[in-house]
Amino acid sequence: MVANNDRAIEITEKEFEDTIVEKEIVVIDFYADWCMPCLMIAPIVEELANQLKEIKFARVNIDENQKLSDKFKITSIPCLVIFKSGKEVERITGALPEEVLEEKIVKYAAPKVLNK
């Protein structure tokens, strides 16, 4: 698994469990290459990964990881799933503006995350 946190790395089903406990807050972007809203939100997720170093960002291609997307009942994409201490705490579906996504994500993080 790649340990780089200055971008949203792509992970597979094998890496998933280790990834969601790598940091206190982890955001998983479930996406597909053919999904236009997913392509629109990808640069936003990358930018948030660059800004919010205390939060781990990763991406899961639902076409290549069908069992994982079925396990988490991903029915609409893009779908960002926020994990805190390895437990799902929120889902964000759809291509939302960066400010909205950031607000929804950082509310689960320690106050020092807000001081990018």
C-alpha atoms as a PDB file:
ATOM      1  CA  MET A   1       0.000   0.000   0.000  1.00  0.00           C
ATOM      2  CA  VAL A   2       1.226   3.489  -0.815  1.00  0.00           C
ATOM      3  CA  ALA A   3       1.711   5.622   2.296  1.00  0.00           C
ATOM      4  CA  ASN A   4       1.657   8.944   0.456  1.00  0.00           C
ATOM      5  CA  ASN A   5      -0.968  11.259   1.974  1.00  0.00           C
ATOM      6  CA  ASP A   6      -0.605  14.282  -0.302  1.00  0.00           C
ATOM      7  CA  ARG A   7      -3.062  12.766  -2.742  1.00  0.00           C
ATOM      8  CA  ALA A   8      -6.004  10.404  -2.766  1.00  0.00           C
ATOM      9  CA  ILE A   9      -4.443   7.024  -3.513  1.00  0.00           C
ATOM     10  CA  GLU A  10      -6.307   4.250  -5.260  1.00  0.00           C
ATOM     11  CA  ILE A  11      -6.787   1.139  -3.150  1.00  0.00           C
ATOM     12  CA  THR A  12      -8.196  -2.333  -3.676  1.00  0.00           C
ATOM     13  CA  GLU A  13     -10.358  -4.567  -1.544  1.00  0.00           C
ATOM     14  CA  LYS A  14      -7.209  -6.153  -0.064  1.00  0.00           C
ATOM     15  CA  GLU A  15      -5.927  -2.785   1.174  1.00  0.00           C
ATOM     16  CA  PHE A  16      -9.271  -1.437   2.357  1.00  0.00           C
ATOM     17  CA  GLU A  17      -9.335  -2.645   5.987  1.00  0.00           C
ATOM     18  CA  ASP A  18      -5.791  -1.436   6.670  1.00  0.00           C
ATOM     19  CA  THR A  19      -6.517   1.918   5.021  1.00  0.00           C
ATOM     20  CA  ILE A  20      -9.636   2.791   7.033  1.00  0.00           C
ATOM     21  CA  VAL A  21      -7.688   2.541  10.295  1.00  0.00           C
ATOM     22  CA  GLU A  22      -4.479   4.193   9.056  1.00  0.00           C
ATOM     23  CA  LYS A  23      -5.545   7.570  10.468  1.00  0.00           C
ATOM     24  CA  GLU A  24      -8.337   8.653  12.806  1.00  0.00           C
ATOM     25  CA  ILE A  25     -10.321  10.114   9.891  1.00  0.00           C
ATOM     26  CA  VAL A  26     -10.322   8.404   6.495  1.00  0.00           C
ATOM     27  CA  VAL A  27     -12.358   9.415   3.448  1.00  0.00           C
ATOM     28  CA  ILE A  28     -12.963   6.788   0.772  1.00  0.00           C
ATOM     29  CA  ASP A  29     -14.135   8.001  -2.643  1.00  0.00           C
ATOM     30  CA  PHE A  30     -16.115   5.242  -4.372  1.00  0.00           C
ATOM     31  CA  TYR A  31     -16.088   6.058  -8.090  1.00  0.00           C
ATOM     32  CA  ALA A  32     -16.083   4.702 -11.650  1.00  0.00           C
ATOM     33  CA  ASP A  33     -14.059   5.826 -14.668  1.00  0.00           C
ATOM     34  CA  TRP A  34     -17.223   6.214 -16.772  1.00  0.00           C
ATOM     35  CA  CYS A  35     -19.004   8.440 -14.202  1.00  0.00           C
ATOM     36  CA  MET A  36     -18.898  12.117 -15.226  1.00  0.00           C
ATOM     37  CA  PRO A  37     -19.727  13.477 -11.720  1.00  0.00           C
ATOM     38  CA  CYS A  38     -16.920  11.236 -10.371  1.00  0.00           C
ATOM     39  CA  LEU A  39     -14.500  12.794 -12.834  1.00  0.00           C
ATOM     40  CA  MET A  40     -15.704  16.261 -11.816  1.00  0.00           C
ATOM     41  CA  ILE A  41     -15.175  15.624  -8.101  1.00  0.00           C
ATOM     42  CA  ALA A  42     -11.769  13.886  -8.430  1.00  0.00           C
ATOM     43  CA  PRO A  43      -9.719  17.138  -8.533  1.00  0.00           C
ATOM     44  CA  ILE A  44     -11.660  18.412  -5.508  1.00  0.00           C
ATOM     45  CA  VAL A  45     -10.852  15.259  -3.548  1.00  0.00           C
ATOM     46  CA  GLU A  46      -7.196  15.610  -4.574  1.00  0.00           C
ATOM     47  CA  GLU A  47      -7.145  19.235  -3.412  1.00  0.00           C
ATOM     48  CA  LEU A  48      -8.691  18.317  -0.058  1.00  0.00           C
ATOM     49  CA  ALA A  49      -6.107  15.539   0.333  1.00  0.00           C
ATOM     50  CA  ASN A  50      -3.376  18.128  -0.255  1.00  0.00           C
ATOM     51  CA  GLN A  51      -4.872  20.571   2.254  1.00  0.00           C
ATOM     52  CA  LEU A  52      -6.007  18.251   5.056  1.00  0.00           C
ATOM     53  CA  LYS A  53      -2.856  16.294   5.923  1.00  0.00           C
ATOM     54  CA  GLU A  54      -4.327  14.816   9.128  1.00  0.00           C
ATOM     55  CA  ILE A  55      -7.030  13.046   7.097  1.00  0.00           C
ATOM     56  CA  LYS A  56      -6.362  10.032   4.862  1.00  0.00           C
ATOM     57  CA  PHE A  57      -8.017  10.082   1.436  1.00  0.00           C
ATOM     58  CA  ALA A  58      -8.295   7.034  -0.816  1.00  0.00           C
ATOM     59  CA  ARG A  59     -10.275   6.009  -3.888  1.00  0.00           C
ATOM     60  CA  VAL A  60     -12.006   2.736  -4.742  1.00  0.00           C
ATOM     61  CA  ASN A  61     -13.001   1.927  -8.309  1.00  0.00           C
ATOM     62  CA  ILE A  62     -16.369   0.175  -7.953  1.00  0.00           C
ATOM     63  CA  ASP A  63     -15.978  -1.700 -11.245  1.00  0.00           C
ATOM     64  CA  GLU A  64     -12.692  -3.256 -10.140  1.00  0.00           C
ATOM     65  CA  ASN A  65     -13.806  -3.840  -6.524  1.00  0.00           C
ATOM     66  CA  GLN A  66     -17.391  -5.043  -6.893  1.00  0.00           C
ATOM     67  CA  LYS A  67     -17.449  -7.064  -3.648  1.00  0.00           C
ATOM     68  CA  LEU A  68     -16.379  -4.017  -1.669  1.00  0.00           C
ATOM     69  CA  SER A  69     -18.950  -1.729  -3.261  1.00  0.00           C
ATOM     70  CA  ASP A  70     -21.619  -4.389  -2.629  1.00  0.00           C
ATOM     71  CA  LYS A  71     -20.505  -4.776   1.000  1.00  0.00           C
ATOM     72  CA  PHE A  72     -20.939  -1.034   1.572  1.00  0.00           C
ATOM     73  CA  LYS A  73     -24.128  -0.913  -0.512  1.00  0.00           C
ATOM     74  CA  ILE A  74     -22.808   1.752  -2.872  1.00  0.00           C
ATOM     75  CA  THR A  75     -25.798   2.458  -5.104  1.00  0.00           C
ATOM     76  CA  SER A  76     -24.959   5.945  -6.334  1.00  0.00           C
ATOM     77  CA  ILE A  77     -21.622   7.505  -7.244  1.00  0.00           C
ATOM     78  CA  PRO A  78     -19.614   9.483  -6.527  1.00  0.00           C
ATOM     79  CA  CYS A  79     -19.970   8.408  -2.923  1.00  0.00           C
ATOM     80  CA  LEU A  80     -17.544   9.608  -0.273  1.00  0.00           C
ATOM     81  CA  VAL A  81     -17.655   7.478   2.858  1.00  0.00           C
ATOM     82  CA  ILE A  82     -16.123   9.021   5.966  1.00  0.00           C
ATOM     83  CA  PHE A  83     -14.639   6.657   8.553  1.00  0.00           C
ATOM     84  CA  LYS A  84     -13.659   7.690  12.070  1.00  0.00           C
ATOM     85  CA  SER A  85     -11.529   5.195  13.983  1.00  0.00           C
ATOM     86  CA  GLY A  86     -12.424   2.561  11.370  1.00  0.00           C
ATOM     87  CA  LYS A  87     -16.200   3.039  11.646  1.00  0.00           C
ATOM     88  CA  GLU A  88     -18.417   4.634   9.003  1.00  0.00           C
ATOM     89  CA  VAL A  89     -19.809   7.947  10.257  1.00  0.00           C
ATOM     90  CA  GLU A  90     -21.181   9.630   7.130  1.00  0.00           C
ATOM     91  CA  ARG A  91     -21.768   9.296   3.388  1.00  0.00           C
ATOM     92  CA  ILE A  92     -21.707  12.109   0.896  1.00  0.00           C
ATOM     93  CA  THR A  93     -23.270  11.330  -2.462  1.00  0.00           C
ATOM     94  CA  GLY A  94     -22.952  13.452  -5.571  1.00  0.00           C
ATOM     95  CA  ALA A  95     -20.567  16.082  -6.877  1.00  0.00           C
ATOM     96  CA  LEU A  96     -20.654  18.859  -4.295  1.00  0.00           C
ATOM     97  CA  PRO A  97     -18.558  22.044  -4.129  1.00  0.00           C
ATOM     98  CA  GLU A  98     -15.196  21.866  -2.354  1.00  0.00           C
ATOM     99  CA  GLU A  99     -16.326  24.094   0.525  1.00  0.00           C
ATOM    100  CA  VAL A 100     -19.325  21.857   1.256  1.00  0.00           C
ATOM    101  CA  LEU A 101     -17.250  18.669   1.142  1.00  0.00           C
ATOM    102  CA  GLU A 102     -14.553  20.164   3.355  1.00  0.00           C
ATOM    103  CA  GLU A 103     -17.124  21.283   5.939  1.00  0.00           C
ATOM    104  CA  LYS A 104     -18.719  17.821   6.059  1.00  0.00           C
ATOM    105  CA  ILE A 105     -15.344  16.086   6.403  1.00  0.00           C
ATOM    106  CA  VAL A 106     -13.533  18.294   8.934  1.00  0.00           C
ATOM    107  CA  LYS A 107     -16.367  18.229  11.447  1.00  0.00           C
ATOM    108  CA  TYR A 108     -15.134  14.742  12.397  1.00  0.00           C
ATOM    109  CA  ALA A 109     -11.501  15.766  12.751  1.00  0.00           C
ATOM    110  CA  ALA A 110      -9.529  17.194  15.636  1.00  0.00           C
ATOM    111  CA  PRO A 111      -9.431  21.034  15.759  1.00  0.00           C
ATOM    112  CA  LYS A 112      -5.801  21.129  14.528  1.00  0.00           C
ATOM    113  CA  VAL A 113      -6.998  19.906  11.116  1.00  0.00           C
ATOM    114  CA  LEU A 114      -8.848  23.175  10.669  1.00  0.00           C
ATOM    115  CA  ASN A 115      -5.557  25.059  10.840  1.00  0.00           C
ATOM    116  CA  LYS A 116      -4.367  23.823   7.441  1.00  0.00           C
END
